PDB file of all heavy atoms in Angstrom:
ATOM      1  N   LEU A   1       8.673  -5.848   8.699  1.00  0.00           N
ATOM      2  CA  LEU A   1       7.985  -6.843   7.866  1.00  0.00           C
ATOM      3  C   LEU A   1       8.779  -7.320   6.646  1.00  0.00           C
ATOM      4  O   LEU A   1       9.398  -6.505   6.001  1.00  0.00           O
ATOM      5  CB  LEU A   1       6.554  -6.437   7.516  1.00  0.00           C
ATOM      6  CG  LEU A   1       5.698  -5.901   8.654  1.00  0.00           C
ATOM      7  CD1 LEU A   1       4.394  -5.385   8.060  1.00  0.00           C
ATOM      8  CD2 LEU A   1       5.413  -6.964   9.713  1.00  0.00           C
ATOM      9  N   ALA A   2       8.609  -8.550   6.330  1.00  0.00           N
ATOM     10  CA  ALA A   2       9.218  -9.155   5.111  1.00  0.00           C
ATOM     11  C   ALA A   2       8.323 -10.228   4.579  1.00  0.00           C
ATOM     12  O   ALA A   2       7.595 -10.898   5.405  1.00  0.00           O
ATOM     13  CB  ALA A   2      10.611  -9.769   5.408  1.00  0.00           C
ATOM     14  N   PRO A   3       8.263 -10.308   3.279  1.00  0.00           N
ATOM     15  CA  PRO A   3       7.302 -11.283   2.672  1.00  0.00           C
ATOM     16  C   PRO A   3       7.792 -12.734   2.861  1.00  0.00           C
ATOM     17  O   PRO A   3       8.929 -13.021   3.014  1.00  0.00           O
ATOM     18  CB  PRO A   3       7.338 -10.952   1.189  1.00  0.00           C
ATOM     19  CG  PRO A   3       8.500 -10.203   0.919  1.00  0.00           C
ATOM     20  CD  PRO A   3       8.921  -9.607   2.206  1.00  0.00           C
ATOM     21  N   CYS A   4       6.832 -13.687   2.960  1.00  0.00           N
ATOM     22  CA  CYS A   4       7.051 -15.129   3.006  1.00  0.00           C
ATOM     23  C   CYS A   4       5.877 -15.728   2.278  1.00  0.00           C
ATOM     24  O   CYS A   4       4.911 -15.017   1.851  1.00  0.00           O
ATOM     25  CB  CYS A   4       7.224 -15.651   4.454  1.00  0.00           C
ATOM     26  SG  CYS A   4       5.742 -15.640   5.415  1.00  0.00           S
ATOM     27  N   ASP A   5       5.849 -17.037   2.230  1.00  0.00           N
ATOM     28  CA  ASP A   5       4.753 -17.725   1.510  1.00  0.00           C
ATOM     29  C   ASP A   5       3.510 -17.728   2.436  1.00  0.00           C
ATOM     30  O   ASP A   5       3.526 -18.072   3.579  1.00  0.00           O
ATOM     31  CB  ASP A   5       5.048 -19.199   1.182  1.00  0.00           C
ATOM     32  CG  ASP A   5       6.065 -19.322   0.080  1.00  0.00           C
ATOM     33  OD1 ASP A   5       6.145 -18.451  -0.720  1.00  0.00           O
ATOM     34  OD2 ASP A   5       6.842 -20.312   0.085  1.00  0.00           O
ATOM     35  N   MET A   6       2.336 -17.252   1.825  1.00  0.00           N
ATOM     36  CA  MET A   6       1.086 -17.250   2.511  1.00  0.00           C
ATOM     37  C   MET A   6       0.475 -18.656   2.372  1.00  0.00           C
ATOM     38  O   MET A   6       0.484 -19.208   1.258  1.00  0.00           O
ATOM     39  CB  MET A   6       0.158 -16.220   1.893  1.00  0.00           C
ATOM     40  CG  MET A   6      -1.190 -16.051   2.525  1.00  0.00           C
ATOM     41  SD  MET A   6      -2.038 -14.603   1.798  1.00  0.00           S
ATOM     42  CE  MET A   6      -3.694 -15.078   2.071  1.00  0.00           C
ATOM     43  N   HIS A   7      -0.017 -19.274   3.455  1.00  0.00           N
ATOM     44  CA  HIS A   7      -0.539 -20.582   3.323  1.00  0.00           C
ATOM     45  C   HIS A   7      -1.703 -20.722   4.272  1.00  0.00           C
ATOM     46  O   HIS A   7      -1.540 -21.154   5.402  1.00  0.00           O
ATOM     47  CB  HIS A   7       0.540 -21.607   3.612  1.00  0.00           C
ATOM     48  CG  HIS A   7       1.439 -21.354   4.834  1.00  0.00           C
ATOM     49  ND1 HIS A   7       2.370 -20.388   4.891  1.00  0.00           N
ATOM     50  CD2 HIS A   7       1.307 -21.806   6.107  1.00  0.00           C
ATOM     51  CE1 HIS A   7       2.885 -20.338   6.066  1.00  0.00           C
ATOM     52  NE2 HIS A   7       2.300 -21.220   6.860  1.00  0.00           N
ATOM     53  N   LEU A   8      -2.905 -20.474   3.781  1.00  0.00           N
ATOM     54  CA  LEU A   8      -4.140 -20.548   4.600  1.00  0.00           C
ATOM     55  C   LEU A   8      -4.445 -22.028   4.881  1.00  0.00           C
ATOM     56  O   LEU A   8      -4.076 -22.932   4.090  1.00  0.00           O
ATOM     57  CB  LEU A   8      -5.274 -19.951   3.790  1.00  0.00           C
ATOM     58  CG  LEU A   8      -5.191 -18.429   3.546  1.00  0.00           C
ATOM     59  CD1 LEU A   8      -6.288 -17.980   2.645  1.00  0.00           C
ATOM     60  CD2 LEU A   8      -5.155 -17.613   4.832  1.00  0.00           C
ATOM     61  N   ASP A   9      -5.130 -22.287   5.976  1.00  0.00           N
ATOM     62  CA  ASP A   9      -5.712 -23.555   6.247  1.00  0.00           C
ATOM     63  C   ASP A   9      -6.715 -23.951   5.141  1.00  0.00           C
ATOM     64  O   ASP A   9      -7.248 -22.995   4.448  1.00  0.00           O
ATOM     65  CB  ASP A   9      -6.383 -23.624   7.618  1.00  0.00           C
ATOM     66  CG  ASP A   9      -5.417 -23.380   8.758  1.00  0.00           C
ATOM     67  OD1 ASP A   9      -4.234 -23.651   8.660  1.00  0.00           O
ATOM     68  OD2 ASP A   9      -5.936 -22.920   9.851  1.00  0.00           O
ATOM     69  N   GLU A  10      -6.895 -25.183   4.940  1.00  0.00           N
ATOM     70  CA  GLU A  10      -7.730 -25.670   3.800  1.00  0.00           C
ATOM     71  C   GLU A  10      -9.235 -25.165   3.942  1.00  0.00           C
ATOM     72  O   GLU A  10      -9.934 -25.097   2.965  1.00  0.00           O
ATOM     73  CB  GLU A  10      -7.720 -27.140   3.621  1.00  0.00           C
ATOM     74  CG  GLU A  10      -8.271 -27.989   4.711  1.00  0.00           C
ATOM     75  CD  GLU A  10      -8.229 -29.481   4.496  1.00  0.00           C
ATOM     76  OE1 GLU A  10      -7.265 -29.947   3.836  1.00  0.00           O
ATOM     77  OE2 GLU A  10      -9.153 -30.123   4.936  1.00  0.00           O
ATOM     78  N   ASP A  11      -9.707 -24.872   5.192  1.00  0.00           N
ATOM     79  CA  ASP A  11     -11.041 -24.408   5.341  1.00  0.00           C
ATOM     80  C   ASP A  11     -11.103 -22.934   5.676  1.00  0.00           C
ATOM     81  O   ASP A  11     -12.055 -22.370   6.214  1.00  0.00           O
ATOM     82  CB  ASP A  11     -11.765 -25.199   6.479  1.00  0.00           C
ATOM     83  CG  ASP A  11     -11.038 -24.971   7.835  1.00  0.00           C
ATOM     84  OD1 ASP A  11      -9.919 -24.474   7.855  1.00  0.00           O
ATOM     85  OD2 ASP A  11     -11.712 -25.438   8.836  1.00  0.00           O
ATOM     86  N   GLU A  12     -10.048 -22.194   5.286  1.00  0.00           N
ATOM     87  CA  GLU A  12      -9.914 -20.753   5.621  1.00  0.00           C
ATOM     88  C   GLU A  12      -9.907 -19.907   4.376  1.00  0.00           C
ATOM     89  O   GLU A  12      -9.085 -20.181   3.454  1.00  0.00           O
ATOM     90  CB  GLU A  12      -8.628 -20.606   6.381  1.00  0.00           C
ATOM     91  CG  GLU A  12      -8.444 -19.196   7.026  1.00  0.00           C
ATOM     92  CD  GLU A  12      -7.161 -19.215   7.896  1.00  0.00           C
ATOM     93  OE1 GLU A  12      -6.186 -19.819   7.641  1.00  0.00           O
ATOM     94  OE2 GLU A  12      -7.263 -18.528   8.939  1.00  0.00           O
ATOM     95  N   PHE A  13     -10.793 -18.911   4.318  1.00  0.00           N
ATOM     96  CA  PHE A  13     -10.882 -18.020   3.135  1.00  0.00           C
ATOM     97  C   PHE A  13     -10.903 -16.612   3.605  1.00  0.00           C
ATOM     98  O   PHE A  13     -11.793 -16.238   4.353  1.00  0.00           O
ATOM     99  CB  PHE A  13     -12.116 -18.334   2.345  1.00  0.00           C
ATOM    100  CG  PHE A  13     -12.224 -19.822   1.879  1.00  0.00           C
ATOM    101  CD1 PHE A  13     -12.873 -20.775   2.614  1.00  0.00           C
ATOM    102  CD2 PHE A  13     -11.524 -20.242   0.762  1.00  0.00           C
ATOM    103  CE1 PHE A  13     -12.899 -22.084   2.307  1.00  0.00           C
ATOM    104  CE2 PHE A  13     -11.613 -21.545   0.335  1.00  0.00           C
ATOM    105  CZ  PHE A  13     -12.236 -22.505   1.133  1.00  0.00           C
ATOM    106  N   LEU A  14      -9.872 -15.812   3.252  1.00  0.00           N
ATOM    107  CA  LEU A  14      -9.835 -14.460   3.663  1.00  0.00           C
ATOM    108  C   LEU A  14      -8.985 -13.668   2.669  1.00  0.00           C
ATOM    109  O   LEU A  14      -8.249 -14.219   1.894  1.00  0.00           O
ATOM    110  CB  LEU A  14      -9.231 -14.380   5.134  1.00  0.00           C
ATOM    111  CG  LEU A  14      -7.897 -14.985   5.387  1.00  0.00           C
ATOM    112  CD1 LEU A  14      -6.739 -14.083   4.943  1.00  0.00           C
ATOM    113  CD2 LEU A  14      -7.773 -15.246   6.846  1.00  0.00           C
ATOM    114  N   THR A  15      -9.091 -12.393   2.792  1.00  0.00           N
ATOM    115  CA  THR A  15      -8.305 -11.451   1.957  1.00  0.00           C
ATOM    116  C   THR A  15      -7.544 -10.475   2.865  1.00  0.00           C
ATOM    117  O   THR A  15      -8.203  -9.724   3.584  1.00  0.00           O
ATOM    118  CB  THR A  15      -9.264 -10.635   0.969  1.00  0.00           C
ATOM    119  OG1 THR A  15     -10.028 -11.577   0.252  1.00  0.00           O
ATOM    120  CG2 THR A  15      -8.423  -9.795   0.080  1.00  0.00           C
ATOM    121  N   PRO A  16      -6.207 -10.447   2.751  1.00  0.00           N
ATOM    122  CA  PRO A  16      -5.428  -9.521   3.580  1.00  0.00           C
ATOM    123  C   PRO A  16      -5.343  -8.183   2.823  1.00  0.00           C
ATOM    124  O   PRO A  16      -5.269  -8.194   1.579  1.00  0.00           O
ATOM    125  CB  PRO A  16      -4.086 -10.121   3.720  1.00  0.00           C
ATOM    126  CG  PRO A  16      -3.927 -11.047   2.499  1.00  0.00           C
ATOM    127  CD  PRO A  16      -5.357 -11.497   2.176  1.00  0.00           C
ATOM    128  N   GLU A  17      -5.423  -7.085   3.524  1.00  0.00           N
ATOM    129  CA  GLU A  17      -5.281  -5.772   2.848  1.00  0.00           C
ATOM    130  C   GLU A  17      -4.531  -4.832   3.807  1.00  0.00           C
ATOM    131  O   GLU A  17      -4.718  -4.846   5.022  1.00  0.00           O
ATOM    132  CB  GLU A  17      -6.728  -5.166   2.590  1.00  0.00           C
ATOM    133  CG  GLU A  17      -7.524  -5.965   1.595  1.00  0.00           C
ATOM    134  CD  GLU A  17      -8.836  -5.235   1.225  1.00  0.00           C
ATOM    135  OE1 GLU A  17      -8.889  -3.990   1.324  1.00  0.00           O
ATOM    136  OE2 GLU A  17      -9.761  -5.913   0.852  1.00  0.00           O
ATOM    137  N   LYS A  18      -3.654  -4.064   3.166  1.00  0.00           N
ATOM    138  CA  LYS A  18      -3.053  -2.960   3.925  1.00  0.00           C
ATOM    139  C   LYS A  18      -3.974  -1.746   4.020  1.00  0.00           C
ATOM    140  O   LYS A  18      -4.556  -1.360   2.987  1.00  0.00           O
ATOM    141  CB  LYS A  18      -1.693  -2.540   3.231  1.00  0.00           C
ATOM    142  CG  LYS A  18      -0.603  -3.514   3.401  1.00  0.00           C
ATOM    143  CD  LYS A  18       0.774  -2.920   2.896  1.00  0.00           C
ATOM    144  CE  LYS A  18       0.703  -2.827   1.392  1.00  0.00           C
ATOM    145  NZ  LYS A  18       2.068  -2.487   0.871  1.00  0.00           N
ATOM    146  N   VAL A  19      -4.092  -1.256   5.223  1.00  0.00           N
ATOM    147  CA  VAL A  19      -4.934  -0.099   5.461  1.00  0.00           C
ATOM    148  C   VAL A  19      -4.177   0.940   6.210  1.00  0.00           C
ATOM    149  O   VAL A  19      -3.473   0.597   7.131  1.00  0.00           O
ATOM    150  CB  VAL A  19      -6.180  -0.514   6.331  1.00  0.00           C
ATOM    151  CG1 VAL A  19      -7.084   0.675   6.651  1.00  0.00           C
ATOM    152  CG2 VAL A  19      -6.974  -1.598   5.561  1.00  0.00           C
ATOM    153  N   PRO A  20      -4.257   2.171   5.800  1.00  0.00           N
ATOM    154  CA  PRO A  20      -3.549   3.262   6.648  1.00  0.00           C
ATOM    155  C   PRO A  20      -4.009   3.176   8.013  1.00  0.00           C
ATOM    156  O   PRO A  20      -5.182   2.934   8.345  1.00  0.00           O
ATOM    157  CB  PRO A  20      -4.049   4.560   5.934  1.00  0.00           C
ATOM    158  CG  PRO A  20      -4.310   4.214   4.589  1.00  0.00           C
ATOM    159  CD  PRO A  20      -4.911   2.840   4.637  1.00  0.00           C
ATOM    160  N   PHE A  21      -2.967   3.205   8.960  1.00  0.00           N
ATOM    161  CA  PHE A  21      -3.300   3.007  10.421  1.00  0.00           C
ATOM    162  C   PHE A  21      -4.392   3.900  10.869  1.00  0.00           C
ATOM    163  O   PHE A  21      -5.289   3.561  11.587  1.00  0.00           O
ATOM    164  CB  PHE A  21      -2.025   3.081  11.211  1.00  0.00           C
ATOM    165  CG  PHE A  21      -2.313   2.801  12.660  1.00  0.00           C
ATOM    166  CD1 PHE A  21      -2.445   1.450  13.083  1.00  0.00           C
ATOM    167  CD2 PHE A  21      -2.570   3.813  13.599  1.00  0.00           C
ATOM    168  CE1 PHE A  21      -2.710   1.172  14.476  1.00  0.00           C
ATOM    169  CE2 PHE A  21      -2.826   3.518  14.953  1.00  0.00           C
ATOM    170  CZ  PHE A  21      -2.923   2.221  15.361  1.00  0.00           C
ATOM    171  N   ASP A  22      -4.255   5.217  10.530  1.00  0.00           N
ATOM    172  CA  ASP A  22      -5.261   6.209  11.023  1.00  0.00           C
ATOM    173  C   ASP A  22      -6.685   5.855  10.458  1.00  0.00           C
ATOM    174  O   ASP A  22      -7.662   6.068  11.153  1.00  0.00           O
ATOM    175  CB  ASP A  22      -4.805   7.634  10.569  1.00  0.00           C
ATOM    176  CG  ASP A  22      -3.601   8.092  11.364  1.00  0.00           C
ATOM    177  OD1 ASP A  22      -3.298   7.560  12.435  1.00  0.00           O
ATOM    178  OD2 ASP A  22      -2.903   9.036  10.846  1.00  0.00           O
ATOM    179  N   ARG A  23      -6.718   5.322   9.238  1.00  0.00           N
ATOM    180  CA  ARG A  23      -7.992   4.888   8.642  1.00  0.00           C
ATOM    181  C   ARG A  23      -8.576   3.659   9.460  1.00  0.00           C
ATOM    182  O   ARG A  23      -9.766   3.705   9.694  1.00  0.00           O
ATOM    183  CB  ARG A  23      -7.817   4.600   7.185  1.00  0.00           C
ATOM    184  CG  ARG A  23      -9.023   3.950   6.525  1.00  0.00           C
ATOM    185  CD  ARG A  23     -10.203   4.900   6.355  1.00  0.00           C
ATOM    186  NE  ARG A  23     -11.356   4.257   5.840  1.00  0.00           N
ATOM    187  CZ  ARG A  23     -12.582   4.044   6.434  1.00  0.00           C
ATOM    188  NH1 ARG A  23     -12.826   4.705   7.564  1.00  0.00           N
ATOM    189  NH2 ARG A  23     -13.496   3.440   5.824  1.00  0.00           N
ATOM    190  N   ALA A  24      -7.678   2.795   9.848  1.00  0.00           N
ATOM    191  CA  ALA A  24      -8.161   1.650  10.610  1.00  0.00           C
ATOM    192  C   ALA A  24      -8.687   2.124  11.997  1.00  0.00           C
ATOM    193  O   ALA A  24      -9.810   1.586  12.393  1.00  0.00           O
ATOM    194  CB  ALA A  24      -6.983   0.687  10.830  1.00  0.00           C
ATOM    195  N   VAL A  25      -8.111   3.135  12.619  1.00  0.00           N
ATOM    196  CA  VAL A  25      -8.665   3.632  13.843  1.00  0.00           C
ATOM    197  C   VAL A  25     -10.004   4.271  13.630  1.00  0.00           C
ATOM    198  O   VAL A  25     -10.960   4.127  14.393  1.00  0.00           O
ATOM    199  CB  VAL A  25      -7.645   4.626  14.537  1.00  0.00           C
ATOM    200  CG1 VAL A  25      -8.265   5.330  15.714  1.00  0.00           C
ATOM    201  CG2 VAL A  25      -6.407   3.824  14.968  1.00  0.00           C
ATOM    202  N   GLU A  26     -10.119   5.017  12.540  1.00  0.00           N
ATOM    203  CA  GLU A  26     -11.436   5.621  12.162  1.00  0.00           C
ATOM    204  C   GLU A  26     -12.482   4.513  11.920  1.00  0.00           C
ATOM    205  O   GLU A  26     -13.637   4.688  12.290  1.00  0.00           O
ATOM    206  CB  GLU A  26     -11.337   6.427  10.849  1.00  0.00           C
ATOM    207  CG  GLU A  26     -10.517   7.691  10.998  1.00  0.00           C
ATOM    208  CD  GLU A  26     -10.244   8.419   9.617  1.00  0.00           C
ATOM    209  OE1 GLU A  26     -10.936   7.976   8.668  1.00  0.00           O
ATOM    210  OE2 GLU A  26      -9.450   9.303   9.532  1.00  0.00           O
ATOM    211  N   MET A  27     -12.089   3.375  11.347  1.00  0.00           N
ATOM    212  CA  MET A  27     -12.996   2.256  11.137  1.00  0.00           C
ATOM    213  C   MET A  27     -13.496   1.666  12.401  1.00  0.00           C
ATOM    214  O   MET A  27     -14.585   1.255  12.567  1.00  0.00           O
ATOM    215  CB  MET A  27     -12.313   1.245  10.226  1.00  0.00           C
ATOM    216  CG  MET A  27     -12.089   1.643   8.842  1.00  0.00           C
ATOM    217  SD  MET A  27     -10.979   0.558   7.915  1.00  0.00           S
ATOM    218  CE  MET A  27     -12.002  -0.915   7.734  1.00  0.00           C
ATOM    219  N   VAL A  28     -12.601   1.672  13.460  1.00  0.00           N
ATOM    220  CA  VAL A  28     -12.984   1.275  14.801  1.00  0.00           C
ATOM    221  C   VAL A  28     -14.009   2.226  15.378  1.00  0.00           C
ATOM    222  O   VAL A  28     -15.050   1.778  15.840  1.00  0.00           O
ATOM    223  CB  VAL A  28     -11.783   1.105  15.735  1.00  0.00           C
ATOM    224  CG1 VAL A  28     -12.213   1.014  17.192  1.00  0.00           C
ATOM    225  CG2 VAL A  28     -10.876  -0.057  15.320  1.00  0.00           C
ATOM    226  N   LEU A  29     -13.699   3.483  15.300  1.00  0.00           N
ATOM    227  CA  LEU A  29     -14.553   4.507  15.945  1.00  0.00           C
ATOM    228  C   LEU A  29     -15.911   4.673  15.193  1.00  0.00           C
ATOM    229  O   LEU A  29     -16.889   4.971  15.875  1.00  0.00           O
ATOM    230  CB  LEU A  29     -13.861   5.818  15.936  1.00  0.00           C
ATOM    231  CG  LEU A  29     -12.561   5.897  16.811  1.00  0.00           C
ATOM    232  CD1 LEU A  29     -11.831   7.186  16.659  1.00  0.00           C
ATOM    233  CD2 LEU A  29     -12.856   5.511  18.199  1.00  0.00           C
ATOM    234  N   SER A  30     -15.937   4.361  13.929  1.00  0.00           N
ATOM    235  CA  SER A  30     -17.239   4.415  13.214  1.00  0.00           C
ATOM    236  C   SER A  30     -18.113   3.176  13.303  1.00  0.00           C
ATOM    237  O   SER A  30     -19.215   3.155  12.912  1.00  0.00           O
ATOM    238  CB  SER A  30     -16.960   4.728  11.730  1.00  0.00           C
ATOM    239  OG  SER A  30     -16.394   3.583  11.101  1.00  0.00           O
ATOM    240  N   GLY A  31     -17.462   2.117  13.883  1.00  0.00           N
ATOM    241  CA  GLY A  31     -18.189   0.840  13.993  1.00  0.00           C
ATOM    242  C   GLY A  31     -18.017  -0.055  12.794  1.00  0.00           C
ATOM    243  O   GLY A  31     -18.589  -1.140  12.712  1.00  0.00           O
ATOM    244  N   GLU A  32     -17.215   0.348  11.845  1.00  0.00           N
ATOM    245  CA  GLU A  32     -16.998  -0.561  10.645  1.00  0.00           C
ATOM    246  C   GLU A  32     -16.122  -1.757  11.095  1.00  0.00           C
ATOM    247  O   GLU A  32     -16.331  -2.829  10.516  1.00  0.00           O
ATOM    248  CB  GLU A  32     -16.208   0.271   9.544  1.00  0.00           C
ATOM    249  CG  GLU A  32     -16.143  -0.372   8.254  1.00  0.00           C
ATOM    250  CD  GLU A  32     -15.528   0.445   7.123  1.00  0.00           C
ATOM    251  OE1 GLU A  32     -15.365   1.658   7.335  1.00  0.00           O
ATOM    252  OE2 GLU A  32     -15.260  -0.061   6.107  1.00  0.00           O
TER     253      GLU A  32
END
């Protein structure tokens, strides 16, 4: 990965976050 300019669509609102991969899998298994 390398950074570039983030450019959301005009009707798009979201927040990107880095999550430890193992934590993301736990979030799947817990239903989060």
